[in-house]
Amino acid sequence: MTEYELIKEQLEKDHQRAIDDIMYQHYIEQDLGPAVGAKKLGIPRRAFVYFVQQCGLQKDKFDLIKKKVLNTGDWMAAL
């Protein structure tokens, strides 16, 4: 078993959810970056990045950032 598989098993056991759900909650819903997300989960940063890539969350994060920028632009235009 690889180090990532061991970390994945431990996270899923601790959170009682699939790795996809755990990573989505931290990376997208809570909008945590790799350093803060990894620290909160108690895993190495490189493992956090690995799971983000494995779960295919880069597009979701890009959409979240794009949405924030568009909303900020609307707010700034009102001033």
PDB file of N, CA and C in Angstrom:
ATOM      1  N   MET A   1       0.835  -1.190   0.000  1.00  0.00           N
ATOM      2  CA  MET A   1       0.000   0.000   0.000  1.00  0.00           C
ATOM      3  C   MET A   1       0.875   1.247   0.000  1.00  0.00           C
ATOM      4  N   THR A   2       0.460   2.234  -0.787  1.00  0.00           N
ATOM      5  CA  THR A   2       1.234   3.472  -0.843  1.00  0.00           C
ATOM      6  C   THR A   2       0.883   4.367   0.335  1.00  0.00           C
ATOM      7  N   GLU A   3       1.710   5.373   0.527  1.00  0.00           N
ATOM      8  CA  GLU A   3       1.473   6.336   1.600  1.00  0.00           C
ATOM      9  C   GLU A   3       0.121   7.024   1.413  1.00  0.00           C
ATOM     10  N   TYR A   4      -0.222   7.366   0.159  1.00  0.00           N
ATOM     11  CA  TYR A   4      -1.490   8.046  -0.113  1.00  0.00           C
ATOM     12  C   TYR A   4      -2.688   7.154   0.200  1.00  0.00           C
ATOM     13  N   GLU A   5      -2.570   5.875  -0.091  1.00  0.00           N
ATOM     14  CA  GLU A   5      -3.662   4.948   0.213  1.00  0.00           C
ATOM     15  C   GLU A   5      -3.877   4.831   1.717  1.00  0.00           C
ATOM     16  N   LEU A   6      -2.787   4.822   2.463  1.00  0.00           N
ATOM     17  CA  LEU A   6      -2.888   4.763   3.921  1.00  0.00           C
ATOM     18  C   LEU A   6      -3.542   6.028   4.475  1.00  0.00           C
ATOM     19  N   ILE A   7      -3.136   7.170   3.948  1.00  0.00           N
ATOM     20  CA  ILE A   7      -3.721   8.447   4.387  1.00  0.00           C
ATOM     21  C   ILE A   7      -5.203   8.485   4.035  1.00  0.00           C
ATOM     22  N   LYS A   8      -5.535   8.036   2.828  1.00  0.00           N
ATOM     23  CA  LYS A   8      -6.931   8.010   2.380  1.00  0.00           C
ATOM     24  C   LYS A   8      -7.779   7.148   3.303  1.00  0.00           C
ATOM     25  N   GLU A   9      -7.307   5.948   3.604  1.00  0.00           N
ATOM     26  CA  GLU A   9      -8.044   5.051   4.490  1.00  0.00           C
ATOM     27  C   GLU A   9      -8.267   5.684   5.858  1.00  0.00           C
ATOM     28  N   GLN A  10      -7.228   6.324   6.386  1.00  0.00           N
ATOM     29  CA  GLN A  10      -7.339   6.942   7.705  1.00  0.00           C
ATOM     30  C   GLN A  10      -8.341   8.097   7.687  1.00  0.00           C
ATOM     31  N   LEU A  11      -8.281   8.931   6.647  1.00  0.00           N
ATOM     32  CA  LEU A  11      -9.230  10.048   6.539  1.00  0.00           C
ATOM     33  C   LEU A  11     -10.665   9.546   6.437  1.00  0.00           C
ATOM     34  N   GLU A  12     -10.881   8.551   5.595  1.00  0.00           N
ATOM     35  CA  GLU A  12     -12.229   8.010   5.422  1.00  0.00           C
ATOM     36  C   GLU A  12     -12.739   7.383   6.719  1.00  0.00           C
ATOM     37  N   LYS A  13     -11.857   6.748   7.437  1.00  0.00           N
ATOM     38  CA  LYS A  13     -12.232   6.149   8.722  1.00  0.00           C
ATOM     39  C   LYS A  13     -12.572   7.239   9.745  1.00  0.00           C
ATOM     40  N   ASP A  14     -11.730   8.266   9.828  1.00  0.00           N
ATOM     41  CA  ASP A  14     -11.934   9.338  10.802  1.00  0.00           C
ATOM     42  C   ASP A  14     -13.194  10.157  10.517  1.00  0.00           C
ATOM     43  N   HIS A  15     -13.476  10.390   9.241  1.00  0.00           N
ATOM     44  CA  HIS A  15     -14.605  11.259   8.863  1.00  0.00           C
ATOM     45  C   HIS A  15     -15.871  10.486   8.492  1.00  0.00           C
ATOM     46  N   GLN A  16     -15.760   9.168   8.401  1.00  0.00           N
ATOM     47  CA  GLN A  16     -16.909   8.315   8.055  1.00  0.00           C
ATOM     48  C   GLN A  16     -17.547   8.704   6.716  1.00  0.00           C
ATOM     49  N   ARG A  17     -16.710   9.147   5.786  1.00  0.00           N
ATOM     50  CA  ARG A  17     -17.179   9.537   4.445  1.00  0.00           C
ATOM     51  C   ARG A  17     -16.110   9.180   3.426  1.00  0.00           C
ATOM     52  N   ALA A  18     -16.507   9.214   2.156  1.00  0.00           N
ATOM     53  CA  ALA A  18     -15.564   8.952   1.068  1.00  0.00           C
ATOM     54  C   ALA A  18     -14.604  10.132   0.923  1.00  0.00           C
ATOM     55  N   ILE A  19     -13.435   9.864   0.384  1.00  0.00           N
ATOM     56  CA  ILE A  19     -12.420  10.898   0.214  1.00  0.00           C
ATOM     57  C   ILE A  19     -12.932  12.037  -0.672  1.00  0.00           C
ATOM     58  N   ASP A  20     -13.741  11.715  -1.675  1.00  0.00           N
ATOM     59  CA  ASP A  20     -14.298  12.750  -2.547  1.00  0.00           C
ATOM     60  C   ASP A  20     -15.103  13.769  -1.741  1.00  0.00           C
ATOM     61  N   ASP A  21     -15.928  13.277  -0.831  1.00  0.00           N
ATOM     62  CA  ASP A  21     -16.758  14.163  -0.007  1.00  0.00           C
ATOM     63  C   ASP A  21     -15.911  15.001   0.955  1.00  0.00           C
ATOM     64  N   ILE A  22     -14.922  14.367   1.542  1.00  0.00           N
ATOM     65  CA  ILE A  22     -14.040  15.071   2.485  1.00  0.00           C
ATOM     66  C   ILE A  22     -13.313  16.203   1.776  1.00  0.00           C
ATOM     67  N   MET A  23     -12.737  15.888   0.633  1.00  0.00           N
ATOM     68  CA  MET A  23     -11.973  16.892  -0.100  1.00  0.00           C
ATOM     69  C   MET A  23     -12.890  17.990  -0.633  1.00  0.00           C
ATOM     70  N   TYR A  24     -14.067  17.645  -1.114  1.00  0.00           N
ATOM     71  CA  TYR A  24     -15.000  18.654  -1.616  1.00  0.00           C
ATOM     72  C   TYR A  24     -15.382  19.622  -0.495  1.00  0.00           C
ATOM     73  N   GLN A  25     -15.660  19.078   0.675  1.00  0.00           N
ATOM     74  CA  GLN A  25     -16.037  19.928   1.798  1.00  0.00           C
ATOM     75  C   GLN A  25     -14.921  20.911   2.149  1.00  0.00           C
ATOM     76  N   HIS A  26     -13.706  20.437   2.221  1.00  0.00           N
ATOM     77  CA  HIS A  26     -12.603  21.297   2.653  1.00  0.00           C
ATOM     78  C   HIS A  26     -12.121  22.226   1.535  1.00  0.00           C
ATOM     79  N   TYR A  27     -11.956  21.705   0.338  1.00  0.00           N
ATOM     80  CA  TYR A  27     -11.357  22.479  -0.757  1.00  0.00           C
ATOM     81  C   TYR A  27     -12.356  23.409  -1.439  1.00  0.00           C
ATOM     82  N   ILE A  28     -13.604  22.984  -1.568  1.00  0.00           N
ATOM     83  CA  ILE A  28     -14.602  23.791  -2.273  1.00  0.00           C
ATOM     84  C   ILE A  28     -15.524  24.515  -1.297  1.00  0.00           C
ATOM     85  N   GLU A  29     -16.237  23.771  -0.457  1.00  0.00           N
ATOM     86  CA  GLU A  29     -17.224  24.392   0.428  1.00  0.00           C
ATOM     87  C   GLU A  29     -16.587  25.339   1.440  1.00  0.00           C
ATOM     88  N   GLN A  30     -15.506  24.901   2.084  1.00  0.00           N
ATOM     89  CA  GLN A  30     -14.836  25.760   3.064  1.00  0.00           C
ATOM     90  C   GLN A  30     -13.810  26.673   2.403  1.00  0.00           C
ATOM     91  N   ASP A  31     -13.542  26.440   1.116  1.00  0.00           N
ATOM     92  CA  ASP A  31     -12.622  27.254   0.320  1.00  0.00           C
ATOM     93  C   ASP A  31     -11.225  27.334   0.943  1.00  0.00           C
ATOM     94  N   LEU A  32     -10.738  26.190   1.397  1.00  0.00           N
ATOM     95  CA  LEU A  32      -9.407  26.132   2.000  1.00  0.00           C
ATOM     96  C   LEU A  32      -8.378  25.792   0.935  1.00  0.00           C
ATOM     97  N   GLY A  33      -7.236  26.418   1.021  1.00  0.00           N
ATOM     98  CA  GLY A  33      -6.131  26.094   0.132  1.00  0.00           C
ATOM     99  C   GLY A  33      -5.407  24.857   0.627  1.00  0.00           C
ATOM    100  N   PRO A  34      -4.409  24.416  -0.122  1.00  0.00           N
ATOM    101  CA  PRO A  34      -3.691  23.192   0.249  1.00  0.00           C
ATOM    102  C   PRO A  34      -3.016  23.244   1.621  1.00  0.00           C
ATOM    103  N   ALA A  35      -2.384  24.345   1.961  1.00  0.00           N
ATOM    104  CA  ALA A  35      -1.668  24.409   3.239  1.00  0.00           C
ATOM    105  C   ALA A  35      -2.633  24.364   4.422  1.00  0.00           C
ATOM    106  N   VAL A  36      -3.653  25.196   4.389  1.00  0.00           N
ATOM    107  CA  VAL A  36      -4.610  25.261   5.495  1.00  0.00           C
ATOM    108  C   VAL A  36      -5.469  23.996   5.543  1.00  0.00           C
ATOM    109  N   GLY A  37      -5.911  23.526   4.377  1.00  0.00           N
ATOM    110  CA  GLY A  37      -6.710  22.307   4.328  1.00  0.00           C
ATOM    111  C   GLY A  37      -5.952  21.103   4.861  1.00  0.00           C
ATOM    112  N   ALA A  38      -4.695  20.987   4.462  1.00  0.00           N
ATOM    113  CA  ALA A  38      -3.870  19.873   4.930  1.00  0.00           C
ATOM    114  C   ALA A  38      -3.665  19.941   6.435  1.00  0.00           C
ATOM    115  N   LYS A  39      -3.429  21.138   6.936  1.00  0.00           N
ATOM    116  CA  LYS A  39      -3.226  21.300   8.378  1.00  0.00           C
ATOM    117  C   LYS A  39      -4.497  20.924   9.135  1.00  0.00           C
ATOM    118  N   LYS A  40      -5.637  21.364   8.628  1.00  0.00           N
ATOM    119  CA  LYS A  40      -6.910  21.056   9.286  1.00  0.00           C
ATOM    120  C   LYS A  40      -7.191  19.553   9.286  1.00  0.00           C
ATOM    121  N   LEU A  41      -6.835  18.870   8.208  1.00  0.00           N
ATOM    122  CA  LEU A  41      -7.054  17.427   8.120  1.00  0.00           C
ATOM    123  C   LEU A  41      -5.948  16.619   8.789  1.00  0.00           C
ATOM    124  N   GLY A  42      -4.831  17.270   9.082  1.00  0.00           N
ATOM    125  CA  GLY A  42      -3.723  16.573   9.721  1.00  0.00           C
ATOM    126  C   GLY A  42      -2.953  15.671   8.771  1.00  0.00           C
ATOM    127  N   ILE A  43      -2.848  16.113   7.510  1.00  0.00           N
ATOM    128  CA  ILE A  43      -2.119  15.341   6.503  1.00  0.00           C
ATOM    129  C   ILE A  43      -1.066  16.228   5.855  1.00  0.00           C
ATOM    130  N   PRO A  44      -0.090  15.638   5.167  1.00  0.00           N
ATOM    131  CA  PRO A  44       0.897  16.457   4.456  1.00  0.00           C
ATOM    132  C   PRO A  44       0.240  17.251   3.322  1.00  0.00           C
ATOM    133  N   ARG A  45       0.803  18.415   3.041  1.00  0.00           N
ATOM    134  CA  ARG A  45       0.276  19.271   1.974  1.00  0.00           C
ATOM    135  C   ARG A  45       0.275  18.537   0.634  1.00  0.00           C
ATOM    136  N   ARG A  46       1.325  17.795   0.358  1.00  0.00           N
ATOM    137  CA  ARG A  46       1.412  17.081  -0.918  1.00  0.00           C
ATOM    138  C   ARG A  46       0.298  16.042  -1.044  1.00  0.00           C
ATOM    139  N   ALA A  47      -0.131  15.469   0.068  1.00  0.00           N
ATOM    140  CA  ALA A  47      -1.244  14.511   0.037  1.00  0.00           C
ATOM    141  C   ALA A  47      -2.551  15.237  -0.255  1.00  0.00           C
ATOM    142  N   PHE A  48      -2.723  16.424   0.316  1.00  0.00           N
ATOM    143  CA  PHE A  48      -3.927  17.225   0.046  1.00  0.00           C
ATOM    144  C   PHE A  48      -4.012  17.543  -1.444  1.00  0.00           C
ATOM    145  N   VAL A  49      -2.903  17.988  -2.016  1.00  0.00           N
ATOM    146  CA  VAL A  49      -2.862  18.312  -3.451  1.00  0.00           C
ATOM    147  C   VAL A  49      -3.130  17.057  -4.281  1.00  0.00           C
ATOM    148  N   TYR A  50      -2.559  15.949  -3.890  1.00  0.00           N
ATOM    149  CA  TYR A  50      -2.771  14.678  -4.597  1.00  0.00           C
ATOM    150  C   TYR A  50      -4.257  14.318  -4.616  1.00  0.00           C
ATOM    151  N   PHE A  51      -4.925  14.421  -3.485  1.00  0.00           N
ATOM    152  CA  PHE A  51      -6.343  14.071  -3.415  1.00  0.00           C
ATOM    153  C   PHE A  51      -7.213  15.056  -4.188  1.00  0.00           C
ATOM    154  N   VAL A  52      -6.847  16.327  -4.190  1.00  0.00           N
ATOM    155  CA  VAL A  52      -7.580  17.313  -4.999  1.00  0.00           C
ATOM    156  C   VAL A  52      -7.516  16.895  -6.468  1.00  0.00           C
ATOM    157  N   GLN A  53      -6.329  16.512  -6.919  1.00  0.00           N
ATOM    158  CA  GLN A  53      -6.165  16.088  -8.306  1.00  0.00           C
ATOM    159  C   GLN A  53      -6.896  14.785  -8.585  1.00  0.00           C
ATOM    160  N   GLN A  54      -6.814  13.835  -7.675  1.00  0.00           N
ATOM    161  CA  GLN A  54      -7.476  12.547  -7.853  1.00  0.00           C
ATOM    162  C   GLN A  54      -9.001  12.680  -7.885  1.00  0.00           C
ATOM    163  N   CYS A  55      -9.523  13.630  -7.121  1.00  0.00           N
ATOM    164  CA  CYS A  55     -10.972  13.852  -7.059  1.00  0.00           C
ATOM    165  C   CYS A  55     -11.451  14.784  -8.171  1.00  0.00           C
ATOM    166  N   GLY A  56     -10.526  15.346  -8.932  1.00  0.00           N
ATOM    167  CA  GLY A  56     -10.879  16.223 -10.045  1.00  0.00           C
ATOM    168  C   GLY A  56     -11.553  17.519  -9.613  1.00  0.00           C
ATOM    169  N   LEU A  57     -11.059  18.118  -8.556  1.00  0.00           N
ATOM    170  CA  LEU A  57     -11.702  19.309  -8.005  1.00  0.00           C
ATOM    171  C   LEU A  57     -11.144  20.629  -8.545  1.00  0.00           C
ATOM    172  N   GLN A  58     -10.169  20.569  -9.448  1.00  0.00           N
ATOM    173  CA  GLN A  58      -9.585  21.799  -9.972  1.00  0.00           C
ATOM    174  C   GLN A  58     -10.626  22.635 -10.711  1.00  0.00           C
ATOM    175  N   LYS A  59     -11.476  21.997 -11.505  1.00  0.00           N
ATOM    176  CA  LYS A  59     -12.501  22.731 -12.255  1.00  0.00           C
ATOM    177  C   LYS A  59     -13.513  23.378 -11.304  1.00  0.00           C
ATOM    178  N   ASP A  60     -13.922  22.647 -10.279  1.00  0.00           N
ATOM    179  CA  ASP A  60     -14.865  23.200  -9.296  1.00  0.00           C
ATOM    180  C   ASP A  60     -14.264  24.410  -8.584  1.00  0.00           C
ATOM    181  N   LYS A  61     -12.984  24.333  -8.263  1.00  0.00           N
ATOM    182  CA  LYS A  61     -12.316  25.449  -7.590  1.00  0.00           C
ATOM    183  C   LYS A  61     -12.229  26.653  -8.535  1.00  0.00           C
ATOM    184  N   PHE A  62     -11.912  26.393  -9.795  1.00  0.00           N
ATOM    185  CA  PHE A  62     -11.851  27.467 -10.780  1.00  0.00           C
ATOM    186  C   PHE A  62     -13.219  28.136 -10.912  1.00  0.00           C
ATOM    187  N   ASP A  63     -14.289  27.340 -10.962  1.00  0.00           N
ATOM    188  CA  ASP A  63     -15.638  27.891 -11.053  1.00  0.00           C
ATOM    189  C   ASP A  63     -15.977  28.728  -9.823  1.00  0.00           C
ATOM    190  N   LEU A  64     -15.547  28.277  -8.658  1.00  0.00           N
ATOM    191  CA  LEU A  64     -15.782  29.024  -7.423  1.00  0.00           C
ATOM    192  C   LEU A  64     -15.054  30.367  -7.458  1.00  0.00           C
ATOM    193  N   ILE A  65     -13.817  30.362  -7.892  1.00  0.00           N
ATOM    194  CA  ILE A  65     -13.035  31.601  -7.981  1.00  0.00           C
ATOM    195  C   ILE A  65     -13.660  32.544  -8.997  1.00  0.00           C
ATOM    196  N   LYS A  66     -14.057  31.999 -10.141  1.00  0.00           N
ATOM    197  CA  LYS A  66     -14.681  32.814 -11.183  1.00  0.00           C
ATOM    198  C   LYS A  66     -15.970  33.458 -10.656  1.00  0.00           C
ATOM    199  N   LYS A  67     -16.755  32.701  -9.925  1.00  0.00           N
ATOM    200  CA  LYS A  67     -18.005  33.214  -9.354  1.00  0.00           C
ATOM    201  C   LYS A  67     -17.715  34.342  -8.365  1.00  0.00           C
ATOM    202  N   LYS A  68     -16.703  34.168  -7.529  1.00  0.00           N
ATOM    203  CA  LYS A  68     -16.335  35.205  -6.553  1.00  0.00           C
ATOM    204  C   LYS A  68     -15.887  36.483  -7.256  1.00  0.00           C
ATOM    205  N   VAL A  69     -15.088  36.342  -8.298  1.00  0.00           N
ATOM    206  CA  VAL A  69     -14.592  37.504  -9.033  1.00  0.00           C
ATOM    207  C   VAL A  69     -15.748  38.246  -9.689  1.00  0.00           C
ATOM    208  N   LEU A  70     -16.679  37.504 -10.288  1.00  0.00           N
ATOM    209  CA  LEU A  70     -17.825  38.141 -10.930  1.00  0.00           C
ATOM    210  C   LEU A  70     -18.702  38.862  -9.912  1.00  0.00           C
ATOM    211  N   ASN A  71     -18.898  38.257  -8.742  1.00  0.00           N
ATOM    212  CA  ASN A  71     -19.696  38.899  -7.700  1.00  0.00           C
ATOM    213  C   ASN A  71     -18.994  40.126  -7.151  1.00  0.00           C
ATOM    214  N   THR A  72     -17.683  40.081  -7.031  1.00  0.00           N
ATOM    215  CA  THR A  72     -16.920  41.232  -6.564  1.00  0.00           C
ATOM    216  C   THR A  72     -17.008  42.354  -7.594  1.00  0.00           C
ATOM    217  N   GLY A  73     -16.967  41.999  -8.858  1.00  0.00           N
ATOM    218  CA  GLY A  73     -17.086  43.011  -9.917  1.00  0.00           C
ATOM    219  C   GLY A  73     -18.434  43.712  -9.861  1.00  0.00           C
ATOM    220  N   ASP A  74     -19.505  42.981  -9.615  1.00  0.00           N
ATOM    221  CA  ASP A  74     -20.832  43.585  -9.495  1.00  0.00           C
ATOM    222  C   ASP A  74     -20.887  44.539  -8.310  1.00  0.00           C
ATOM    223  N   TRP A  75     -20.291  44.142  -7.202  1.00  0.00           N
ATOM    224  CA  TRP A  75     -20.273  44.972  -6.011  1.00  0.00           C
ATOM    225  C   TRP A  75     -19.472  46.241  -6.246  1.00  0.00           C
ATOM    226  N   MET A  76     -18.341  46.102  -6.904  1.00  0.00           N
ATOM    227  CA  MET A  76     -17.492  47.270  -7.172  1.00  0.00           C
ATOM    228  C   MET A  76     -18.168  48.213  -8.154  1.00  0.00           C
ATOM    229  N   ALA A  77     -18.912  47.696  -9.108  1.00  0.00           N
ATOM    230  CA  ALA A  77     -19.600  48.529 -10.087  1.00  0.00           C
ATOM    231  C   ALA A  77     -20.694  49.365  -9.407  1.00  0.00           C
ATOM    232  N   ALA A  78     -21.253  48.854  -8.333  1.00  0.00           N
ATOM    233  CA  ALA A  78     -22.305  49.583  -7.610  1.00  0.00           C
ATOM    234  C   ALA A  78     -21.744  50.799  -6.892  1.00  0.00           C
ATOM    235  N   LEU A  79     -20.460  50.806  -6.628  1.00  0.00           N
ATOM    236  CA  LEU A  79     -19.853  51.952  -5.952  1.00  0.00           C
ATOM    237  C   LEU A  79     -19.653  53.022  -6.950  1.00  0.00           C
TER     238      LEU A  79
END
